[in-house]
Amino acid sequence: MKKVNLLVTLLGLCLMMSSCVTLRGGVAVGRESYNVDYIDLSISPNHTDVPTQKSANAAVPSTRSNSNVGFYVGVGLTGVDIAEKFSFAPEINFISATKDLDQIQVPVLVRYEIIDKLSAHAGPAVGFFLNSPEDSKSTIFGFDLGVGYEIMDQLSVQARFDLGVSNFAESDYGKWRYSTMQFGVTYQF
């Protein structure tokens, strides 16, 4: 229920902002490549229940990764002008990776127009797992960094990396991180 309230609040804020400025909206679709990393922080080699490969030196953290490919589809504001070359661009995306990791992601991006038709964007993102894996948190936080290029007047391509910054699973021995790489197309209304 908290997730629905947050999404409704975000949409309400976007609608209130629309009365103050001219807004451009759009839809996006693309390929999502995600990576789940486990960083083993245990020092003792006696932790046999930790699902990682132990390093030769037990004091050095070891990692294990699981990668997969999915898709994303979303809607958002493609630019609320802040200054001459800066704009604000919140989005709501559905990300389908696997059944357990499907999520609603809400990035809040600031875009900077580097040159005509080429922009960089960055900002925080929050993800809400729809079916949280067992022993995991239902909300994750990340930081998005990417570029976009306007091919035609209403069509652009984007590449974005989302660095997971929160530990999304409960573990006494390590940290779980969820990071993604997105490649997609955006159509502006």
Protein backbone atom coordinates (compact mmCIF):
# COMPACT_ATOMS: atom_id res chain seq x y z
CA MET A 1 0.00 0.00 0.00
CA LYS A 2 2.90 2.35 0.76
CA LYS A 3 4.16 1.85 -2.80
CA VAL A 4 0.84 2.88 -4.30
CA ASN A 5 0.65 5.96 -2.05
CA LEU A 6 4.17 7.01 -3.08
CA LEU A 7 3.40 6.60 -6.79
CA VAL A 8 0.14 8.56 -6.47
CA THR A 9 1.99 11.31 -4.59
CA LEU A 10 4.69 11.51 -7.29
CA LEU A 11 2.10 11.66 -10.05
CA GLY A 12 0.21 14.36 -8.14
CA LEU A 13 3.36 16.46 -7.82
CA CYS A 14 3.98 16.10 -11.54
CA LEU A 15 0.43 17.25 -12.30
CA MET A 16 0.78 20.26 -9.99
CA MET A 17 4.01 21.21 -11.74
CA SER A 18 2.26 20.98 -15.09
CA SER A 19 0.11 23.99 -14.26
CA CYS A 20 3.25 26.13 -13.83
CA VAL A 21 5.34 25.14 -16.86
CA THR A 22 4.99 23.65 -20.30
CA LEU A 23 5.55 19.92 -20.07
CA ARG A 24 6.60 17.37 -22.64
CA GLY A 25 5.79 13.73 -22.01
CA GLY A 26 6.88 10.54 -23.63
CA VAL A 27 7.04 6.77 -23.59
CA ALA A 28 10.17 4.66 -23.50
CA VAL A 29 10.92 1.04 -24.26
CA GLY A 30 14.17 -0.87 -24.32
CA ARG A 31 16.49 -3.64 -23.26
CA GLU A 32 17.46 -4.06 -19.63
CA SER A 33 20.60 -5.91 -18.68
CA TYR A 34 20.89 -6.40 -14.94
CA ASN A 35 23.53 -7.69 -12.60
CA VAL A 36 23.06 -8.93 -9.02
CA ASP A 37 26.34 -8.86 -7.11
CA TYR A 38 27.04 -10.51 -3.78
CA ILE A 39 30.06 -9.13 -1.95
CA ASP A 40 31.28 -11.50 0.75
CA LEU A 41 32.51 -9.46 3.70
CA SER A 42 33.22 -12.39 6.02
CA ILE A 43 36.80 -12.81 7.13
CA SER A 44 36.62 -16.37 8.40
CA PRO A 45 36.82 -19.27 5.90
CA ASN A 46 34.46 -21.23 8.23
CA HIS A 47 31.30 -19.62 6.76
CA THR A 48 30.21 -22.54 4.59
CA ASP A 49 26.64 -21.32 4.12
CA VAL A 50 27.67 -18.14 2.29
CA PRO A 51 26.95 -18.55 -1.46
CA THR A 52 30.22 -17.16 -2.81
CA GLN A 53 33.54 -18.33 -4.08
CA LYS A 54 36.16 -17.78 -1.42
CA SER A 55 39.23 -15.83 -2.34
CA ALA A 56 42.69 -17.25 -1.69
CA ASN A 57 43.16 -14.66 1.04
CA ALA A 58 40.15 -14.86 3.38
CA ALA A 59 40.63 -11.23 4.46
CA VAL A 60 39.95 -9.99 0.91
CA PRO A 61 36.23 -9.77 0.05
CA SER A 62 35.12 -12.10 -2.73
CA THR A 63 32.22 -11.47 -5.09
CA ARG A 64 29.75 -13.44 -7.13
CA SER A 65 27.56 -12.05 -9.87
CA ASN A 66 24.39 -13.17 -11.61
CA SER A 67 23.50 -11.43 -14.89
CA ASN A 68 20.41 -11.60 -17.05
CA VAL A 69 18.51 -9.66 -19.71
CA GLY A 70 14.98 -8.30 -19.65
CA PHE A 71 13.07 -5.27 -20.90
CA TYR A 72 11.65 -2.00 -19.62
CA VAL A 73 8.73 0.20 -20.60
CA GLY A 74 7.90 3.53 -19.04
CA VAL A 75 6.34 6.95 -19.14
CA GLY A 76 7.70 10.23 -17.98
CA LEU A 77 8.25 13.88 -18.48
CA THR A 78 10.88 14.36 -21.14
CA GLY A 79 11.88 17.76 -19.92
CA VAL A 80 10.75 20.44 -17.50
CA ASP A 81 13.10 23.32 -18.25
CA ILE A 82 15.09 24.49 -15.23
CA ALA A 83 17.62 26.71 -17.01
CA GLU A 84 18.87 27.21 -20.56
CA LYS A 85 20.62 23.83 -20.84
CA PHE A 86 19.17 22.03 -17.80
CA SER A 87 15.86 20.21 -17.47
CA PHE A 88 14.13 18.00 -14.93
CA ALA A 89 12.87 14.60 -16.17
CA PRO A 90 11.08 12.25 -13.74
CA GLU A 91 9.99 8.83 -15.01
CA ILE A 92 8.04 5.76 -13.95
CA ASN A 93 9.30 2.52 -15.51
CA PHE A 94 8.22 -1.11 -15.32
CA ILE A 95 11.30 -3.34 -15.45
CA SER A 96 10.94 -7.04 -16.19
CA ALA A 97 14.05 -9.01 -15.38
CA THR A 98 12.88 -12.25 -13.79
CA LYS A 99 9.70 -12.98 -11.88
CA ASP A 100 11.35 -12.26 -8.52
CA LEU A 101 13.11 -9.08 -9.64
CA ASP A 102 10.35 -7.31 -11.62
CA GLN A 103 10.03 -3.78 -10.33
CA ILE A 104 8.59 -0.32 -10.71
CA GLN A 105 11.49 2.13 -10.91
CA VAL A 106 11.15 5.87 -10.38
CA PRO A 107 14.25 7.78 -11.52
CA VAL A 108 14.33 11.55 -10.96
CA LEU A 109 16.82 12.83 -13.50
CA VAL A 110 18.40 16.17 -14.33
CA ARG A 111 19.40 16.50 -17.98
CA TYR A 112 22.12 18.67 -19.37
CA GLU A 113 22.23 19.49 -23.10
CA ILE A 114 25.88 19.01 -24.05
CA ILE A 115 25.40 20.06 -27.67
CA ASP A 116 22.36 20.21 -29.94
CA LYS A 117 20.57 16.81 -29.79
CA LEU A 118 23.06 15.25 -27.33
CA SER A 119 22.36 15.24 -23.60
CA ALA A 120 23.67 13.70 -20.40
CA HIS A 121 21.42 12.84 -17.49
CA ALA A 122 21.94 11.84 -13.88
CA GLY A 123 19.95 11.47 -10.71
CA PRO A 124 18.66 9.20 -7.97
CA ALA A 125 16.29 6.31 -8.58
CA VAL A 126 14.12 4.23 -6.29
CA GLY A 127 12.91 0.76 -7.25
CA PHE A 128 9.96 -1.15 -5.80
CA PHE A 129 10.09 -4.93 -6.27
CA LEU A 130 6.68 -6.30 -7.23
CA ASN A 131 7.43 -9.79 -5.86
CA SER A 132 10.25 -9.34 -3.39
CA PRO A 133 12.62 -12.30 -3.24
CA GLU A 134 12.59 -14.14 0.07
CA ASP A 135 14.68 -12.41 2.77
CA SER A 136 15.04 -9.25 0.70
CA LYS A 137 13.90 -5.68 1.00
CA SER A 138 11.06 -4.51 -1.23
CA THR A 139 12.67 -1.13 -1.99
CA ILE A 140 16.09 -0.42 -3.48
CA PHE A 141 17.94 2.79 -4.21
CA GLY A 142 20.30 3.61 -7.03
CA PHE A 143 21.97 6.40 -8.96
CA ASP A 144 21.38 6.72 -12.72
CA LEU A 145 23.92 8.10 -15.16
CA GLY A 146 23.42 8.14 -18.93
CA VAL A 147 23.33 9.84 -22.31
CA GLY A 148 20.63 10.48 -24.88
CA TYR A 149 20.66 11.43 -28.53
CA GLU A 150 17.70 12.92 -30.42
CA ILE A 151 17.51 11.13 -33.79
CA MET A 152 14.45 13.00 -35.05
CA ASP A 153 12.15 15.66 -33.68
CA GLN A 154 10.20 13.28 -31.39
CA LEU A 155 12.44 10.19 -31.34
CA SER A 156 15.59 9.66 -29.27
CA VAL A 157 17.84 6.83 -28.11
CA GLN A 158 19.25 6.45 -24.62
CA ALA A 159 21.87 4.47 -22.75
CA ARG A 160 21.79 4.49 -18.97
CA PHE A 161 23.61 2.80 -16.10
CA ASP A 162 21.87 2.42 -12.74
CA LEU A 163 24.31 1.79 -9.92
CA GLY A 164 22.60 0.06 -7.01
CA VAL A 165 23.65 1.78 -3.80
CA SER A 166 21.49 -0.03 -1.27
CA ASN A 167 21.87 -3.52 0.14
CA PHE A 168 18.65 -5.24 -0.95
CA ALA A 169 18.95 -8.62 0.80
CA GLU A 170 19.38 -9.58 4.43
CA SER A 171 22.72 -11.29 5.06
CA ASP A 172 25.06 -11.45 8.03
CA TYR A 173 28.04 -12.13 5.79
CA GLY A 174 27.84 -9.73 2.88
CA LYS A 175 26.00 -7.20 0.73
CA TRP A 176 23.69 -7.72 -2.25
CA ARG A 177 23.67 -5.03 -4.97
CA TYR A 178 21.36 -4.73 -8.00
CA SER A 179 22.70 -2.70 -10.95
CA THR A 180 21.37 -2.32 -14.48
CA MET A 181 22.31 -1.12 -17.95
CA GLN A 182 19.51 0.13 -20.20
CA PHE A 183 19.43 0.77 -23.94
CA GLY A 184 16.20 2.15 -25.31
CA VAL A 185 14.12 4.40 -27.50
CA THR A 186 11.94 7.29 -26.33
CA TYR A 187 9.03 8.79 -28.25
CA GLN A 188 8.01 12.30 -27.15
CA PHE A 189 4.45 13.61 -27.41
